[in-house]
C-alpha atoms as a PDB file:
ATOM      1  CA  UNK A   1     -20.926 -32.689   2.111  1.00  0.00           C
ATOM      2  CA  UNK A   2     -22.684 -29.587   0.808  1.00  0.00           C
ATOM      3  CA  UNK A   3     -21.579 -27.545   3.833  1.00  0.00           C
ATOM      4  CA  UNK A   4     -17.990 -28.713   3.358  1.00  0.00           C
ATOM      5  CA  UNK A   5     -18.012 -27.606  -0.277  1.00  0.00           C
ATOM      6  CA  UNK A   6     -19.513 -24.226   0.655  1.00  0.00           C
ATOM      7  CA  UNK A   7     -16.855 -23.682   3.309  1.00  0.00           C
ATOM      8  CA  UNK A   8     -14.083 -24.627   0.905  1.00  0.00           C
ATOM      9  CA  UNK A   9     -15.480 -22.303  -1.760  1.00  0.00           C
ATOM     10  CA  UNK A  10     -15.711 -19.414   0.702  1.00  0.00           C
ATOM     11  CA  UNK A  11     -12.141 -19.984   1.844  1.00  0.00           C
ATOM     12  CA  UNK A  12     -10.904 -20.108  -1.741  1.00  0.00           C
ATOM     13  CA  UNK A  13     -12.699 -16.891  -2.661  1.00  0.00           C
ATOM     14  CA  UNK A  14     -11.307 -15.122   0.398  1.00  0.00           C
ATOM     15  CA  UNK A  15      -7.775 -16.179  -0.544  1.00  0.00           C
ATOM     16  CA  UNK A  16      -8.236 -14.960  -4.121  1.00  0.00           C
ATOM     17  CA  UNK A  17      -9.573 -11.590  -2.978  1.00  0.00           C
ATOM     18  CA  UNK A  18      -6.732 -11.131  -0.506  1.00  0.00           C
ATOM     19  CA  UNK A  19      -4.130 -12.047  -3.101  1.00  0.00           C
ATOM     20  CA  UNK A  20      -5.542  -9.579  -5.621  1.00  0.00           C
ATOM     21  CA  UNK A  21      -5.655  -6.758  -3.098  1.00  0.00           C
ATOM     22  CA  UNK A  22      -2.101  -7.100  -1.889  1.00  0.00           C
ATOM     23  CA  UNK A  23      -0.482  -7.890  -5.248  1.00  0.00           C
ATOM     24  CA  UNK A  24      -2.155  -4.931  -6.933  1.00  0.00           C
ATOM     25  CA  UNK A  25      -0.562  -2.602  -4.412  1.00  0.00           C
ATOM     26  CA  UNK A  26       2.933  -4.100  -4.644  1.00  0.00           C
ATOM     27  CA  UNK A  27       3.973  -3.231  -8.169  1.00  0.00           C
ATOM     28  CA  UNK A  28       7.588  -2.147  -8.689  1.00  0.00           C
ATOM     29  CA  UNK A  29       6.408   1.364  -9.586  1.00  0.00           C
ATOM     30  CA  UNK A  30       4.412   1.761  -6.366  1.00  0.00           C
ATOM     31  CA  UNK A  31       7.224   0.249  -4.315  1.00  0.00           C
ATOM     32  CA  UNK A  32       9.742   2.670  -5.911  1.00  0.00           C
ATOM     33  CA  UNK A  33       7.780   5.684  -4.656  1.00  0.00           C
ATOM     34  CA  UNK A  34       6.722   3.973  -1.433  1.00  0.00           C
ATOM     35  CA  UNK A  35      10.353   3.435  -0.456  1.00  0.00           C
ATOM     36  CA  UNK A  36      10.714   7.213  -0.245  1.00  0.00           C
ATOM     37  CA  UNK A  37       7.786   7.539   2.186  1.00  0.00           C
ATOM     38  CA  UNK A  38       7.571   6.554   5.836  1.00  0.00           C
ATOM     39  CA  UNK A  39       4.644   4.405   6.902  1.00  0.00           C
ATOM     40  CA  UNK A  40       2.949   6.599   9.477  1.00  0.00           C
ATOM     41  CA  UNK A  41       0.853   3.871  11.074  1.00  0.00           C
ATOM     42  CA  UNK A  42       3.175   4.082  14.105  1.00  0.00           C
ATOM     43  CA  UNK A  43       3.279   0.300  14.315  1.00  0.00           C
ATOM     44  CA  UNK A  44       5.746  -1.087  11.797  1.00  0.00           C
ATOM     45  CA  UNK A  45       8.468   1.609  11.461  1.00  0.00           C
ATOM     46  CA  UNK A  46       8.913   0.736   7.776  1.00  0.00           C
ATOM     47  CA  UNK A  47       8.505   2.613   4.543  1.00  0.00           C
ATOM     48  CA  UNK A  48       5.213   2.510   2.682  1.00  0.00           C
ATOM     49  CA  UNK A  49       6.959   0.327   0.101  1.00  0.00           C
ATOM     50  CA  UNK A  50       8.044  -2.199   2.741  1.00  0.00           C
ATOM     51  CA  UNK A  51       5.068  -2.170   5.122  1.00  0.00           C
ATOM     52  CA  UNK A  52       4.305  -5.857   5.812  1.00  0.00           C
ATOM     53  CA  UNK A  53       0.895  -5.310   7.407  1.00  0.00           C
ATOM     54  CA  UNK A  54      -1.946  -6.542   5.188  1.00  0.00           C
ATOM     55  CA  UNK A  55      -4.556  -4.268   6.752  1.00  0.00           C
ATOM     56  CA  UNK A  56      -2.371  -1.245   7.509  1.00  0.00           C
ATOM     57  CA  UNK A  57      -4.561   1.811   8.003  1.00  0.00           C
ATOM     58  CA  UNK A  58      -1.877   4.103   6.560  1.00  0.00           C
ATOM     59  CA  UNK A  59       0.203   1.993   4.160  1.00  0.00           C
ATOM     60  CA  UNK A  60      -2.636   0.551   2.092  1.00  0.00           C
ATOM     61  CA  UNK A  61      -4.368   3.892   1.406  1.00  0.00           C
ATOM     62  CA  UNK A  62      -0.952   5.429   0.707  1.00  0.00           C
ATOM     63  CA  UNK A  63      -0.177   2.710  -1.850  1.00  0.00           C
ATOM     64  CA  UNK A  64      -3.576   3.254  -3.453  1.00  0.00           C
ATOM     65  CA  UNK A  65      -2.961   7.009  -3.620  1.00  0.00           C
ATOM     66  CA  UNK A  66       0.436   6.399  -5.221  1.00  0.00           C
ATOM     67  CA  UNK A  67      -1.175   4.068  -7.778  1.00  0.00           C
ATOM     68  CA  UNK A  68      -3.906   6.599  -8.571  1.00  0.00           C
ATOM     69  CA  UNK A  69      -1.425   9.436  -9.002  1.00  0.00           C
ATOM     70  CA  UNK A  70       0.814   7.282 -11.196  1.00  0.00           C
ATOM     71  CA  UNK A  71      -2.187   6.349 -13.325  1.00  0.00           C
ATOM     72  CA  UNK A  72      -2.857  10.068 -13.736  1.00  0.00           C
ATOM     73  CA  UNK A  73       0.693  10.504 -15.045  1.00  0.00           C
ATOM     74  CA  UNK A  74       2.168  12.262 -12.010  1.00  0.00           C
ATOM     75  CA  UNK A  75       5.966  11.982 -11.656  1.00  0.00           C
ATOM     76  CA  UNK A  76       7.498  10.430  -8.536  1.00  0.00           C
ATOM     77  CA  UNK A  77       8.714  13.737  -7.096  1.00  0.00           C
ATOM     78  CA  UNK A  78       5.248  15.270  -7.356  1.00  0.00           C
ATOM     79  CA  UNK A  79       3.705  12.267  -5.594  1.00  0.00           C
ATOM     80  CA  UNK A  80       6.218  12.483  -2.753  1.00  0.00           C
ATOM     81  CA  UNK A  81       5.676  16.253  -2.509  1.00  0.00           C
ATOM     82  CA  UNK A  82       1.938  15.634  -2.158  1.00  0.00           C
ATOM     83  CA  UNK A  83       2.505  13.376   0.864  1.00  0.00           C
ATOM     84  CA  UNK A  84       4.847  15.942   2.435  1.00  0.00           C
ATOM     85  CA  UNK A  85       2.250  18.688   1.949  1.00  0.00           C
ATOM     86  CA  UNK A  86      -0.370  16.531   3.704  1.00  0.00           C
ATOM     87  CA  UNK A  87       1.709  15.058   6.545  1.00  0.00           C
ATOM     88  CA  UNK A  88       4.789  17.231   6.822  1.00  0.00           C
ATOM     89  CA  UNK A  89       8.429  16.245   6.649  1.00  0.00           C
ATOM     90  CA  UNK A  90       7.749  13.114   8.703  1.00  0.00           C
ATOM     91  CA  UNK A  91       6.164  11.639   5.558  1.00  0.00           C
ATOM     92  CA  UNK A  92       9.667  11.113   4.173  1.00  0.00           C
ATOM     93  CA  UNK A  93      11.507   7.902   4.961  1.00  0.00           C
ATOM     94  CA  UNK A  94      14.790   9.844   5.012  1.00  0.00           C
ATOM     95  CA  UNK A  95      14.087  13.473   5.939  1.00  0.00           C
ATOM     96  CA  UNK A  96      16.736  15.995   4.872  1.00  0.00           C
END
């Protein structure tokens, strides 16, 4: 019985942690900027704002960077420009 309760508790905690991680990075503000950026993981072919992969090696850090820059008061265009400076024009979901 004790082992069953421990397993259930561990599963519940894992679900809570996962839910907090993904929901924190899916705010409308982050999605708004993320829709302008291509997910460069080379797996999903989506925008950063639409990337469905929970453990995406590009999309998740990109969403965190967007959140950090927004928290610092950076406007959307400046955030997008930052990604283009780092990764080139391919960072844009719709290059000119």
